Amino acid sequence: MDYVIKSWIVATLTDDLGEIISAQGSTARHAWLAIESQFLGNREARSIHLETWFRNFIQGLLSITDNCRKLKKMVDDLTALGEVGTDHTLILNVIRGLNEHFSHVGTLLHHARPFPTFLEARDDLILEELTMETRKDTPATALAASTTPSPAPTSSGMGAGGHSKPPNNHRSKRGGGGKGNNGGGPPRQGSCPTGGAQHQQQ
């Protein structure tokens, strides 16, 4: 029975770790104590490194969802190592690591009374993120609408072919010559001037 339990323990481990803890003549209890020393022997060092990473973690280019998920995972790992991680500490670290786009929301959350929970702070930050994305899309739509070309105005003095109509000059129809020339043109056929008639009579 001891061999069966030991084989179960070794089957749940990687090959390298299984070879380390399995020694000839060892029992299932020896294998369990060896595993415990491997995982808990460096617990303090792991806690220090993980907490340092947690305290210095910043959002950067991550979304609010990814940023909060990573920080929550760190707190859960610290809790598994025996460290006490509170909801208040998690929220303060989320606010501290926000980038400049969400700094104003972080200030409001920091001074909120009562102090929000982690889920409430996460929802407020996600809402602000959606609002910022909407603001980015709105100017682009307004710019596209303002740059639509308008039709060219039609001139009242333009003809169908695009040329301007000649001015309606009434003076061209009137006689601009002498009074007896009937409009300034050549004399009509069959009429002769007065001087010519007198010369023929003489």
N, C-alpha and C. Protein backbone atom coordinates (compact mmCIF):
# COMPACT_ATOMS: atom_id res chain seq x y z
N MET A 1 0.83 -1.21 0.00
CA MET A 1 0.00 0.00 0.00
C MET A 1 0.86 1.26 0.00
N ASP A 2 1.98 1.22 0.71
CA ASP A 2 2.88 2.36 0.75
C ASP A 2 3.44 2.63 -0.64
N TYR A 3 3.73 1.60 -1.38
CA TYR A 3 4.26 1.77 -2.73
C TYR A 3 3.22 2.43 -3.65
N VAL A 4 1.96 2.03 -3.49
CA VAL A 4 0.90 2.62 -4.33
C VAL A 4 0.77 4.11 -4.05
N ILE A 5 0.77 4.50 -2.78
CA ILE A 5 0.64 5.93 -2.43
C ILE A 5 1.84 6.72 -2.94
N LYS A 6 3.02 6.13 -2.82
CA LYS A 6 4.21 6.82 -3.30
C LYS A 6 4.15 7.00 -4.82
N SER A 7 3.66 6.00 -5.53
CA SER A 7 3.54 6.12 -6.99
C SER A 7 2.53 7.20 -7.37
N TRP A 8 1.46 7.34 -6.59
CA TRP A 8 0.50 8.42 -6.84
C TRP A 8 1.15 9.80 -6.67
N ILE A 9 1.96 9.94 -5.62
CA ILE A 9 2.62 11.22 -5.36
C ILE A 9 3.60 11.56 -6.49
N VAL A 10 4.40 10.59 -6.89
CA VAL A 10 5.39 10.83 -7.94
C VAL A 10 4.72 11.12 -9.28
N ALA A 11 3.56 10.49 -9.52
CA ALA A 11 2.87 10.70 -10.80
C ALA A 11 2.36 12.13 -10.96
N THR A 12 2.15 12.84 -9.88
CA THR A 12 1.66 14.22 -9.95
C THR A 12 2.77 15.24 -10.12
N LEU A 13 4.03 14.80 -10.13
CA LEU A 13 5.17 15.71 -10.21
C LEU A 13 5.83 15.63 -11.58
N THR A 14 6.67 16.61 -11.85
CA THR A 14 7.47 16.55 -13.08
C THR A 14 8.54 15.48 -12.94
N ASP A 15 9.14 15.11 -14.06
CA ASP A 15 10.14 14.04 -14.04
C ASP A 15 11.36 14.42 -13.21
N ASP A 16 11.80 15.68 -13.34
CA ASP A 16 12.99 16.10 -12.59
C ASP A 16 12.75 16.07 -11.09
N LEU A 17 11.61 16.61 -10.67
CA LEU A 17 11.32 16.63 -9.24
C LEU A 17 11.03 15.22 -8.72
N GLY A 18 10.41 14.39 -9.55
CA GLY A 18 10.17 13.01 -9.13
C GLY A 18 11.45 12.25 -8.88
N GLU A 19 12.47 12.49 -9.71
CA GLU A 19 13.75 11.82 -9.51
C GLU A 19 14.46 12.32 -8.25
N ILE A 20 14.23 13.59 -7.91
CA ILE A 20 14.90 14.15 -6.73
C ILE A 20 14.34 13.54 -5.45
N ILE A 21 13.03 13.45 -5.34
CA ILE A 21 12.43 13.01 -4.08
C ILE A 21 12.39 11.49 -3.95
N SER A 22 12.49 10.79 -5.06
CA SER A 22 12.41 9.33 -4.98
C SER A 22 13.80 8.75 -4.75
N ALA A 23 13.99 8.20 -3.61
CA ALA A 23 15.24 7.53 -3.25
C ALA A 23 14.94 6.07 -2.96
N GLN A 24 15.93 5.24 -3.17
CA GLN A 24 15.70 3.82 -2.98
C GLN A 24 15.46 3.52 -1.50
N GLY A 25 14.39 2.79 -1.25
CA GLY A 25 14.04 2.45 0.12
C GLY A 25 13.21 3.49 0.85
N SER A 26 12.91 4.64 0.17
CA SER A 26 12.10 5.68 0.82
C SER A 26 10.64 5.29 0.79
N THR A 27 9.91 5.77 1.77
CA THR A 27 8.48 5.49 1.87
C THR A 27 7.68 6.66 1.32
N ALA A 28 6.37 6.51 1.35
CA ALA A 28 5.49 7.59 0.88
C ALA A 28 5.63 8.81 1.78
N ARG A 29 5.84 8.62 3.05
CA ARG A 29 6.01 9.75 3.96
C ARG A 29 7.30 10.50 3.64
N HIS A 30 8.37 9.78 3.36
CA HIS A 30 9.62 10.43 2.99
C HIS A 30 9.45 11.26 1.72
N ALA A 31 8.70 10.72 0.77
CA ALA A 31 8.46 11.47 -0.47
C ALA A 31 7.65 12.73 -0.19
N TRP A 32 6.67 12.64 0.69
CA TRP A 32 5.85 13.81 1.02
C TRP A 32 6.67 14.88 1.73
N LEU A 33 7.52 14.48 2.66
CA LEU A 33 8.37 15.45 3.36
C LEU A 33 9.37 16.10 2.42
N ALA A 34 9.85 15.36 1.45
CA ALA A 34 10.79 15.94 0.47
C ALA A 34 10.09 16.98 -0.40
N ILE A 35 8.85 16.68 -0.78
CA ILE A 35 8.08 17.66 -1.57
C ILE A 35 7.81 18.91 -0.75
N GLU A 36 7.48 18.74 0.50
CA GLU A 36 7.20 19.89 1.37
C GLU A 36 8.41 20.78 1.53
N SER A 37 9.57 20.17 1.64
CA SER A 37 10.79 20.98 1.78
C SER A 37 11.12 21.73 0.50
N GLN A 38 10.76 21.14 -0.66
CA GLN A 38 11.02 21.80 -1.93
C GLN A 38 10.12 23.02 -2.15
N PHE A 39 8.87 22.91 -1.76
CA PHE A 39 7.91 23.99 -2.02
C PHE A 39 7.85 25.02 -0.91
N LEU A 40 8.08 24.62 0.31
CA LEU A 40 7.94 25.54 1.43
C LEU A 40 9.28 25.97 2.02
N GLY A 41 10.34 25.32 1.62
CA GLY A 41 11.64 25.68 2.16
C GLY A 41 12.07 27.07 1.73
N ASN A 42 11.74 27.48 0.50
CA ASN A 42 12.10 28.81 0.00
C ASN A 42 10.90 29.74 -0.02
N ARG A 43 9.96 29.52 0.88
CA ARG A 43 8.74 30.32 0.89
C ARG A 43 9.03 31.78 1.19
N GLU A 44 9.94 32.03 2.12
CA GLU A 44 10.25 33.42 2.48
C GLU A 44 10.86 34.18 1.31
N ALA A 45 11.78 33.50 0.61
CA ALA A 45 12.41 34.18 -0.53
C ALA A 45 11.39 34.44 -1.64
N ARG A 46 10.52 33.48 -1.89
CA ARG A 46 9.49 33.67 -2.91
C ARG A 46 8.53 34.78 -2.52
N SER A 47 8.20 34.86 -1.25
CA SER A 47 7.30 35.91 -0.78
C SER A 47 7.91 37.29 -0.97
N ILE A 48 9.21 37.41 -0.72
CA ILE A 48 9.88 38.71 -0.85
C ILE A 48 9.89 39.14 -2.31
N HIS A 49 10.23 38.22 -3.21
CA HIS A 49 10.29 38.58 -4.62
C HIS A 49 8.91 38.91 -5.16
N LEU A 50 7.91 38.14 -4.77
CA LEU A 50 6.56 38.38 -5.29
C LEU A 50 5.98 39.67 -4.74
N GLU A 51 6.23 39.95 -3.48
CA GLU A 51 5.71 41.20 -2.91
C GLU A 51 6.40 42.42 -3.52
N THR A 52 7.70 42.29 -3.79
CA THR A 52 8.41 43.40 -4.46
C THR A 52 7.84 43.65 -5.84
N TRP A 53 7.57 42.58 -6.55
CA TRP A 53 6.98 42.72 -7.88
C TRP A 53 5.58 43.34 -7.79
N PHE A 54 4.84 42.94 -6.77
CA PHE A 54 3.48 43.47 -6.58
C PHE A 54 3.52 44.97 -6.26
N ARG A 55 4.43 45.39 -5.42
CA ARG A 55 4.50 46.80 -5.02
C ARG A 55 4.98 47.71 -6.16
N ASN A 56 5.78 47.17 -7.07
CA ASN A 56 6.35 47.99 -8.14
C ASN A 56 5.63 47.81 -9.47
N PHE A 57 4.53 47.09 -9.48
CA PHE A 57 3.83 46.82 -10.74
C PHE A 57 3.06 48.06 -11.17
N ILE A 58 3.20 48.42 -12.45
CA ILE A 58 2.48 49.57 -13.02
C ILE A 58 1.68 49.10 -14.22
N GLN A 59 0.68 49.88 -14.58
CA GLN A 59 -0.22 49.50 -15.66
C GLN A 59 0.46 49.54 -17.02
N GLY A 60 1.14 50.64 -17.32
CA GLY A 60 1.77 50.76 -18.63
C GLY A 60 0.73 50.83 -19.73
N LEU A 61 0.86 49.95 -20.72
CA LEU A 61 -0.06 49.90 -21.85
C LEU A 61 -1.14 48.84 -21.67
N LEU A 62 -1.20 48.22 -20.51
CA LEU A 62 -2.22 47.20 -20.28
C LEU A 62 -3.60 47.83 -20.15
N SER A 63 -4.61 47.07 -20.50
CA SER A 63 -5.98 47.52 -20.27
C SER A 63 -6.31 47.40 -18.77
N ILE A 64 -7.41 48.00 -18.38
CA ILE A 64 -7.81 47.95 -16.98
C ILE A 64 -8.11 46.50 -16.56
N THR A 65 -8.73 45.74 -17.45
CA THR A 65 -9.06 44.35 -17.13
C THR A 65 -7.81 43.52 -16.89
N ASP A 66 -6.82 43.62 -17.79
CA ASP A 66 -5.58 42.84 -17.64
C ASP A 66 -4.78 43.31 -16.44
N ASN A 67 -4.76 44.62 -16.20
CA ASN A 67 -4.01 45.14 -15.06
C ASN A 67 -4.58 44.63 -13.73
N CYS A 68 -5.89 44.70 -13.59
CA CYS A 68 -6.52 44.22 -12.34
C CYS A 68 -6.38 42.70 -12.19
N ARG A 69 -6.43 41.99 -13.28
CA ARG A 69 -6.31 40.53 -13.21
C ARG A 69 -4.92 40.11 -12.74
N LYS A 70 -3.88 40.76 -13.22
CA LYS A 70 -2.52 40.42 -12.82
C LYS A 70 -2.28 40.75 -11.34
N LEU A 71 -2.78 41.89 -10.91
CA LEU A 71 -2.59 42.27 -9.50
C LEU A 71 -3.36 41.33 -8.56
N LYS A 72 -4.56 40.94 -8.97
CA LYS A 72 -5.33 40.01 -8.14
C LYS A 72 -4.63 38.65 -8.06
N LYS A 73 -4.00 38.21 -9.14
CA LYS A 73 -3.26 36.94 -9.14
C LYS A 73 -2.08 37.01 -8.18
N MET A 74 -1.40 38.14 -8.12
CA MET A 74 -0.27 38.29 -7.21
C MET A 74 -0.72 38.21 -5.76
N VAL A 75 -1.84 38.85 -5.46
CA VAL A 75 -2.35 38.81 -4.08
C VAL A 75 -2.73 37.39 -3.71
N ASP A 76 -3.35 36.66 -4.62
CA ASP A 76 -3.72 35.26 -4.33
C ASP A 76 -2.48 34.40 -4.11
N ASP A 77 -1.42 34.63 -4.89
CA ASP A 77 -0.19 33.86 -4.69
C ASP A 77 0.47 34.21 -3.35
N LEU A 78 0.42 35.47 -2.97
CA LEU A 78 0.98 35.84 -1.67
C LEU A 78 0.19 35.22 -0.53
N THR A 79 -1.12 35.16 -0.68
CA THR A 79 -1.96 34.53 0.34
C THR A 79 -1.64 33.04 0.46
N ALA A 80 -1.38 32.39 -0.68
CA ALA A 80 -1.03 30.97 -0.65
C ALA A 80 0.31 30.73 0.02
N LEU A 81 1.19 31.73 -0.01
CA LEU A 81 2.49 31.60 0.66
C LEU A 81 2.43 32.01 2.12
N GLY A 82 1.27 32.34 2.61
CA GLY A 82 1.12 32.68 4.02
C GLY A 82 1.10 34.15 4.32
N GLU A 83 1.21 34.99 3.29
CA GLU A 83 1.16 36.44 3.49
C GLU A 83 -0.28 36.91 3.50
N VAL A 84 -0.54 37.94 4.30
CA VAL A 84 -1.89 38.48 4.42
C VAL A 84 -2.08 39.56 3.36
N GLY A 85 -3.01 39.33 2.45
CA GLY A 85 -3.32 40.32 1.42
C GLY A 85 -4.76 40.80 1.57
N THR A 86 -4.94 42.07 1.87
CA THR A 86 -6.27 42.62 2.09
C THR A 86 -6.78 43.29 0.81
N ASP A 87 -8.10 43.47 0.78
CA ASP A 87 -8.73 44.15 -0.35
C ASP A 87 -8.30 45.60 -0.42
N HIS A 88 -8.12 46.22 0.73
CA HIS A 88 -7.71 47.63 0.79
C HIS A 88 -6.31 47.80 0.19
N THR A 89 -5.42 46.90 0.51
CA THR A 89 -4.06 46.97 -0.04
C THR A 89 -4.06 46.77 -1.55
N LEU A 90 -4.91 45.88 -2.02
CA LEU A 90 -5.01 45.64 -3.46
C LEU A 90 -5.49 46.88 -4.20
N ILE A 91 -6.50 47.56 -3.67
CA ILE A 91 -7.04 48.76 -4.34
C ILE A 91 -6.00 49.88 -4.36
N LEU A 92 -5.31 50.07 -3.23
CA LEU A 92 -4.29 51.12 -3.19
C LEU A 92 -3.18 50.87 -4.20
N ASN A 93 -2.80 49.61 -4.38
CA ASN A 93 -1.76 49.31 -5.35
C ASN A 93 -2.25 49.47 -6.79
N VAL A 94 -3.54 49.18 -7.02
CA VAL A 94 -4.12 49.42 -8.34
C VAL A 94 -4.10 50.91 -8.67
N ILE A 95 -4.49 51.74 -7.70
CA ILE A 95 -4.52 53.19 -7.91
C ILE A 95 -3.10 53.72 -8.13
N ARG A 96 -2.16 53.22 -7.36
CA ARG A 96 -0.78 53.71 -7.48
C ARG A 96 -0.17 53.42 -8.85
N GLY A 97 -0.51 52.27 -9.43
CA GLY A 97 0.10 51.87 -10.69
C GLY A 97 -0.61 52.34 -11.94
N LEU A 98 -1.68 53.13 -11.81
CA LEU A 98 -2.40 53.59 -13.00
C LEU A 98 -1.55 54.55 -13.82
N ASN A 99 -1.75 54.53 -15.14
CA ASN A 99 -1.02 55.46 -15.99
C ASN A 99 -1.68 56.83 -15.96
N GLU A 100 -1.11 57.77 -16.73
CA GLU A 100 -1.57 59.17 -16.64
C GLU A 100 -2.99 59.36 -17.16
N HIS A 101 -3.50 58.43 -17.97
CA HIS A 101 -4.85 58.60 -18.50
C HIS A 101 -5.92 58.36 -17.43
N PHE A 102 -5.60 57.60 -16.41
CA PHE A 102 -6.58 57.26 -15.37
C PHE A 102 -6.19 57.85 -14.01
N SER A 103 -5.26 58.78 -13.99
CA SER A 103 -4.82 59.33 -12.72
C SER A 103 -5.93 60.10 -12.00
N HIS A 104 -6.78 60.79 -12.77
CA HIS A 104 -7.86 61.56 -12.14
C HIS A 104 -8.90 60.62 -11.51
N VAL A 105 -9.14 59.47 -12.13
CA VAL A 105 -10.07 58.50 -11.54
C VAL A 105 -9.46 57.90 -10.27
N GLY A 106 -8.16 57.65 -10.31
CA GLY A 106 -7.48 57.14 -9.12
C GLY A 106 -7.57 58.09 -7.94
N THR A 107 -7.49 59.40 -8.22
CA THR A 107 -7.61 60.39 -7.14
C THR A 107 -9.01 60.36 -6.52
N LEU A 108 -10.03 60.24 -7.37
CA LEU A 108 -11.40 60.18 -6.87
C LEU A 108 -11.63 58.92 -6.05
N LEU A 109 -11.08 57.79 -6.49
CA LEU A 109 -11.25 56.55 -5.74
C LEU A 109 -10.50 56.61 -4.41
N HIS A 110 -9.37 57.26 -4.40
CA HIS A 110 -8.56 57.33 -3.18
C HIS A 110 -9.27 58.14 -2.10
N HIS A 111 -10.02 59.17 -2.50
CA HIS A 111 -10.70 60.03 -1.53
C HIS A 111 -12.17 59.68 -1.36
N ALA A 112 -12.61 58.59 -1.94
CA ALA A 112 -14.02 58.21 -1.82
C ALA A 112 -14.32 57.72 -0.41
N ARG A 113 -15.47 58.10 0.07
CA ARG A 113 -15.94 57.65 1.39
C ARG A 113 -17.39 57.19 1.27
N PRO A 114 -17.67 55.94 1.56
CA PRO A 114 -16.77 54.90 2.06
C PRO A 114 -15.82 54.42 0.98
N PHE A 115 -14.72 53.84 1.41
CA PHE A 115 -13.71 53.38 0.47
C PHE A 115 -14.29 52.23 -0.37
N PRO A 116 -14.12 52.29 -1.69
CA PRO A 116 -14.74 51.26 -2.54
C PRO A 116 -14.06 49.91 -2.39
N THR A 117 -14.77 48.87 -2.77
CA THR A 117 -14.19 47.53 -2.83
C THR A 117 -13.40 47.38 -4.12
N PHE A 118 -12.71 46.24 -4.22
CA PHE A 118 -11.91 46.02 -5.42
C PHE A 118 -12.79 45.93 -6.67
N LEU A 119 -13.92 45.25 -6.57
CA LEU A 119 -14.81 45.12 -7.73
C LEU A 119 -15.42 46.46 -8.11
N GLU A 120 -15.77 47.28 -7.12
CA GLU A 120 -16.34 48.61 -7.43
C GLU A 120 -15.30 49.50 -8.11
N ALA A 121 -14.07 49.49 -7.61
CA ALA A 121 -13.02 50.29 -8.23
C ALA A 121 -12.71 49.80 -9.64
N ARG A 122 -12.72 48.51 -9.83
CA ARG A 122 -12.47 47.94 -11.16
C ARG A 122 -13.57 48.35 -12.14
N ASP A 123 -14.83 48.32 -11.70
CA ASP A 123 -15.94 48.72 -12.58
C ASP A 123 -15.86 50.20 -12.95
N ASP A 124 -15.50 51.05 -12.01
CA ASP A 124 -15.38 52.48 -12.31
C ASP A 124 -14.26 52.75 -13.32
N LEU A 125 -13.16 52.04 -13.18
CA LEU A 125 -12.05 52.23 -14.11
C LEU A 125 -12.40 51.71 -15.51
N ILE A 126 -13.10 50.59 -15.59
CA ILE A 126 -13.52 50.06 -16.89
C ILE A 126 -14.49 51.01 -17.57
N LEU A 127 -15.40 51.61 -16.80
CA LEU A 127 -16.34 52.58 -17.36
C LEU A 127 -15.61 53.79 -17.91
N GLU A 128 -14.61 54.27 -17.21
CA GLU A 128 -13.83 55.40 -17.69
C GLU A 128 -13.05 55.03 -18.96
N GLU A 129 -12.58 53.80 -19.02
CA GLU A 129 -11.86 53.34 -20.21
C GLU A 129 -12.78 53.32 -21.43
N LEU A 130 -14.01 52.86 -21.27
CA LEU A 130 -14.97 52.87 -22.37
C LEU A 130 -15.32 54.28 -22.79
N THR A 131 -15.44 55.19 -21.82
CA THR A 131 -15.75 56.58 -22.14
C THR A 131 -14.62 57.23 -22.93
N MET A 132 -13.38 56.92 -22.59
CA MET A 132 -12.24 57.47 -23.32
C MET A 132 -12.19 56.96 -24.75
N GLU A 133 -12.54 55.71 -24.96
CA GLU A 133 -12.57 55.17 -26.32
C GLU A 133 -13.66 55.84 -27.15
N THR A 134 -14.80 56.16 -26.51
CA THR A 134 -15.87 56.85 -27.23
C THR A 134 -15.45 58.25 -27.62
N ARG A 135 -14.71 58.93 -26.74
CA ARG A 135 -14.25 60.28 -27.05
C ARG A 135 -13.25 60.28 -28.21
N LYS A 136 -12.48 59.22 -28.34
CA LYS A 136 -11.52 59.15 -29.44
C LYS A 136 -12.23 58.98 -30.78
N ASP A 137 -13.33 58.25 -30.80
CA ASP A 137 -14.05 58.01 -32.05
C ASP A 137 -14.88 59.21 -32.49
N THR A 138 -15.36 60.03 -31.56
CA THR A 138 -16.25 61.14 -31.89
C THR A 138 -15.58 62.22 -32.74
N PRO A 139 -14.37 62.73 -32.43
CA PRO A 139 -13.75 63.75 -33.29
C PRO A 139 -13.51 63.26 -34.71
N ALA A 140 -13.16 61.99 -34.88
CA ALA A 140 -12.92 61.48 -36.23
C ALA A 140 -14.19 61.52 -37.07
N THR A 141 -15.32 61.20 -36.46
CA THR A 141 -16.59 61.24 -37.19
C THR A 141 -16.97 62.67 -37.55
N ALA A 142 -16.78 63.59 -36.63
CA ALA A 142 -17.10 65.00 -36.90
C ALA A 142 -16.20 65.57 -37.98
N LEU A 143 -14.92 65.18 -38.00
CA LEU A 143 -14.01 65.67 -39.01
C LEU A 143 -14.38 65.16 -40.39
N ALA A 144 -14.80 63.89 -40.47
CA ALA A 144 -15.21 63.34 -41.76
C ALA A 144 -16.45 64.05 -42.29
N ALA A 145 -17.36 64.44 -41.41
CA ALA A 145 -18.57 65.13 -41.84
C ALA A 145 -18.26 66.56 -42.28
N SER A 146 -17.29 67.21 -41.64
CA SER A 146 -16.98 68.59 -41.98
C SER A 146 -16.18 68.71 -43.26
N THR A 147 -15.49 67.68 -43.68
CA THR A 147 -14.67 67.72 -44.89
C THR A 147 -15.39 67.23 -46.12
N THR A 148 -16.70 67.02 -46.08
CA THR A 148 -17.47 66.61 -47.25
C THR A 148 -17.53 67.75 -48.24
N PRO A 149 -17.11 67.57 -49.51
CA PRO A 149 -17.11 68.70 -50.47
C PRO A 149 -18.52 69.17 -50.78
N SER A 150 -18.70 70.49 -50.81
CA SER A 150 -20.00 71.09 -51.11
C SER A 150 -20.07 71.40 -52.59
N PRO A 151 -21.26 71.34 -53.23
CA PRO A 151 -21.39 71.64 -54.66
C PRO A 151 -21.05 73.09 -54.97
N ALA A 152 -20.44 73.30 -56.15
CA ALA A 152 -20.04 74.65 -56.56
C ALA A 152 -21.27 75.49 -56.84
N PRO A 153 -21.30 76.75 -56.43
CA PRO A 153 -22.48 77.60 -56.68
C PRO A 153 -22.61 77.94 -58.16
N THR A 154 -23.81 77.90 -58.67
CA THR A 154 -24.09 78.22 -60.07
C THR A 154 -24.28 79.71 -60.23
N SER A 155 -23.61 80.29 -61.22
CA SER A 155 -23.70 81.74 -61.46
C SER A 155 -24.91 82.04 -62.33
N SER A 156 -25.62 83.12 -62.02
CA SER A 156 -26.81 83.50 -62.78
C SER A 156 -26.45 84.02 -64.17
N GLY A 157 -25.18 84.43 -64.33
CA GLY A 157 -24.80 84.97 -65.63
C GLY A 157 -24.14 83.96 -66.52
N MET A 158 -24.15 82.67 -66.16
CA MET A 158 -23.50 81.64 -66.94
C MET A 158 -24.51 80.94 -67.79
N GLY A 159 -24.16 80.61 -68.99
CA GLY A 159 -25.04 79.88 -69.89
C GLY A 159 -24.93 78.41 -69.66
N ALA A 160 -25.60 77.62 -70.54
CA ALA A 160 -25.59 76.18 -70.39
C ALA A 160 -24.22 75.63 -70.67
N GLY A 161 -23.43 76.24 -71.52
CA GLY A 161 -22.10 75.75 -71.87
C GLY A 161 -21.02 76.28 -70.98
N GLY A 162 -21.35 76.99 -69.93
CA GLY A 162 -20.36 77.53 -69.02
C GLY A 162 -19.84 78.87 -69.42
N HIS A 163 -20.33 79.50 -70.56
CA HIS A 163 -19.87 80.81 -70.99
C HIS A 163 -20.88 81.85 -70.57
N SER A 164 -20.39 83.03 -70.31
CA SER A 164 -21.28 84.11 -69.89
C SER A 164 -22.06 84.63 -71.09
N LYS A 165 -23.29 85.02 -70.88
CA LYS A 165 -24.13 85.55 -71.94
C LYS A 165 -23.70 86.96 -72.29
N PRO A 166 -23.75 87.31 -73.53
CA PRO A 166 -23.37 88.69 -73.89
C PRO A 166 -24.39 89.68 -73.36
N PRO A 167 -23.95 90.83 -73.01
CA PRO A 167 -24.88 91.83 -72.45
C PRO A 167 -25.90 92.25 -73.50
N ASN A 168 -27.10 92.51 -73.02
CA ASN A 168 -28.21 92.91 -73.90
C ASN A 168 -28.06 94.39 -74.21
N ASN A 169 -27.29 94.70 -75.25
CA ASN A 169 -26.98 96.08 -75.61
C ASN A 169 -28.06 96.60 -76.56
N HIS A 170 -28.92 97.40 -76.04
CA HIS A 170 -30.00 97.95 -76.86
C HIS A 170 -29.50 99.01 -77.84
N ARG A 171 -28.35 99.56 -77.54
CA ARG A 171 -27.84 100.62 -78.42
C ARG A 171 -27.41 100.09 -79.77
N SER A 172 -27.06 98.78 -79.81
CA SER A 172 -26.63 98.22 -81.09
C SER A 172 -27.78 98.10 -82.08
N LYS A 173 -29.01 98.03 -81.57
CA LYS A 173 -30.16 97.93 -82.44
C LYS A 173 -30.60 99.30 -82.95
N ARG A 174 -30.22 100.33 -82.21
CA ARG A 174 -30.61 101.67 -82.63
C ARG A 174 -29.62 102.23 -83.66
N GLY A 175 -30.04 103.16 -84.34
CA GLY A 175 -29.18 103.78 -85.36
C GLY A 175 -28.14 104.65 -84.74
N GLY A 176 -26.91 104.36 -85.02
CA GLY A 176 -25.84 105.16 -84.44
C GLY A 176 -25.27 106.14 -85.44
N GLY A 177 -25.78 106.16 -86.74
CA GLY A 177 -25.20 107.06 -87.75
C GLY A 177 -25.98 108.35 -87.87
N GLY A 178 -26.01 108.88 -89.13
CA GLY A 178 -26.73 110.13 -89.39
C GLY A 178 -28.22 109.93 -89.35
N LYS A 179 -28.93 111.04 -89.35
CA LYS A 179 -30.38 110.97 -89.21
C LYS A 179 -31.04 110.45 -90.47
N GLY A 180 -30.51 110.72 -91.62
CA GLY A 180 -31.19 110.34 -92.86
C GLY A 180 -30.71 109.03 -93.40
N ASN A 181 -29.96 108.25 -92.66
CA ASN A 181 -29.38 107.03 -93.19
C ASN A 181 -30.14 105.81 -92.76
N ASN A 182 -31.25 105.96 -92.10
CA ASN A 182 -32.10 104.82 -91.72
C ASN A 182 -31.31 103.77 -90.96
N GLY A 183 -30.78 104.19 -89.86
CA GLY A 183 -30.06 103.24 -89.03
C GLY A 183 -28.60 103.18 -89.33
N GLY A 184 -28.06 104.01 -90.20
CA GLY A 184 -26.64 104.04 -90.44
C GLY A 184 -26.19 103.09 -91.52
N GLY A 185 -27.09 102.29 -92.16
CA GLY A 185 -26.69 101.36 -93.20
C GLY A 185 -26.72 102.02 -94.56
N PRO A 186 -26.50 101.28 -95.63
CA PRO A 186 -26.53 101.84 -96.99
C PRO A 186 -27.95 102.21 -97.38
N PRO A 187 -28.13 103.13 -98.31
CA PRO A 187 -29.49 103.57 -98.71
C PRO A 187 -30.22 102.46 -99.41
N ARG A 188 -31.52 102.42 -99.17
CA ARG A 188 -32.33 101.39 -99.80
C ARG A 188 -32.44 101.61 -101.29
N GLN A 189 -32.70 100.52 -101.99
CA GLN A 189 -32.77 100.58 -103.46
C GLN A 189 -34.03 101.33 -103.90
N GLY A 190 -33.92 102.26 -104.88
CA GLY A 190 -35.06 103.03 -105.39
C GLY A 190 -35.20 104.38 -104.76
N SER A 191 -34.42 104.67 -103.83
CA SER A 191 -34.49 105.97 -103.18
C SER A 191 -33.20 106.69 -103.46
N CYS A 192 -33.25 107.91 -103.69
CA CYS A 192 -32.04 108.67 -103.98
C CYS A 192 -32.03 109.90 -103.10
N PRO A 193 -30.91 110.39 -102.83
CA PRO A 193 -30.82 111.56 -101.95
C PRO A 193 -31.40 112.80 -102.61
N THR A 194 -31.68 113.78 -101.83
CA THR A 194 -32.34 115.00 -102.30
C THR A 194 -31.45 115.80 -103.23
N GLY A 195 -30.19 115.83 -102.92
CA GLY A 195 -29.25 116.59 -103.77
C GLY A 195 -29.18 116.03 -105.16
N GLY A 196 -29.24 114.73 -105.34
CA GLY A 196 -29.15 114.11 -106.64
C GLY A 196 -30.37 114.41 -107.51
N ALA A 197 -31.54 114.52 -106.91
CA ALA A 197 -32.77 114.84 -107.64
C ALA A 197 -32.71 116.25 -108.19
N GLN A 198 -32.23 117.22 -107.41
CA GLN A 198 -32.14 118.59 -107.88
C GLN A 198 -31.16 118.71 -109.03
N HIS A 199 -30.10 117.93 -109.01
CA HIS A 199 -29.11 118.01 -110.09
C HIS A 199 -29.68 117.51 -111.39
N GLN A 200 -30.52 116.46 -111.32
CA GLN A 200 -31.14 115.96 -112.54
C GLN A 200 -32.12 116.97 -113.12
N GLN A 201 -32.84 117.71 -112.26
CA GLN A 201 -33.81 118.70 -112.80
C GLN A 201 -33.09 119.84 -113.48
N GLN A 202 -31.94 120.22 -112.94
CA GLN A 202 -31.22 121.29 -113.58
C GLN A 202 -30.61 120.86 -114.90
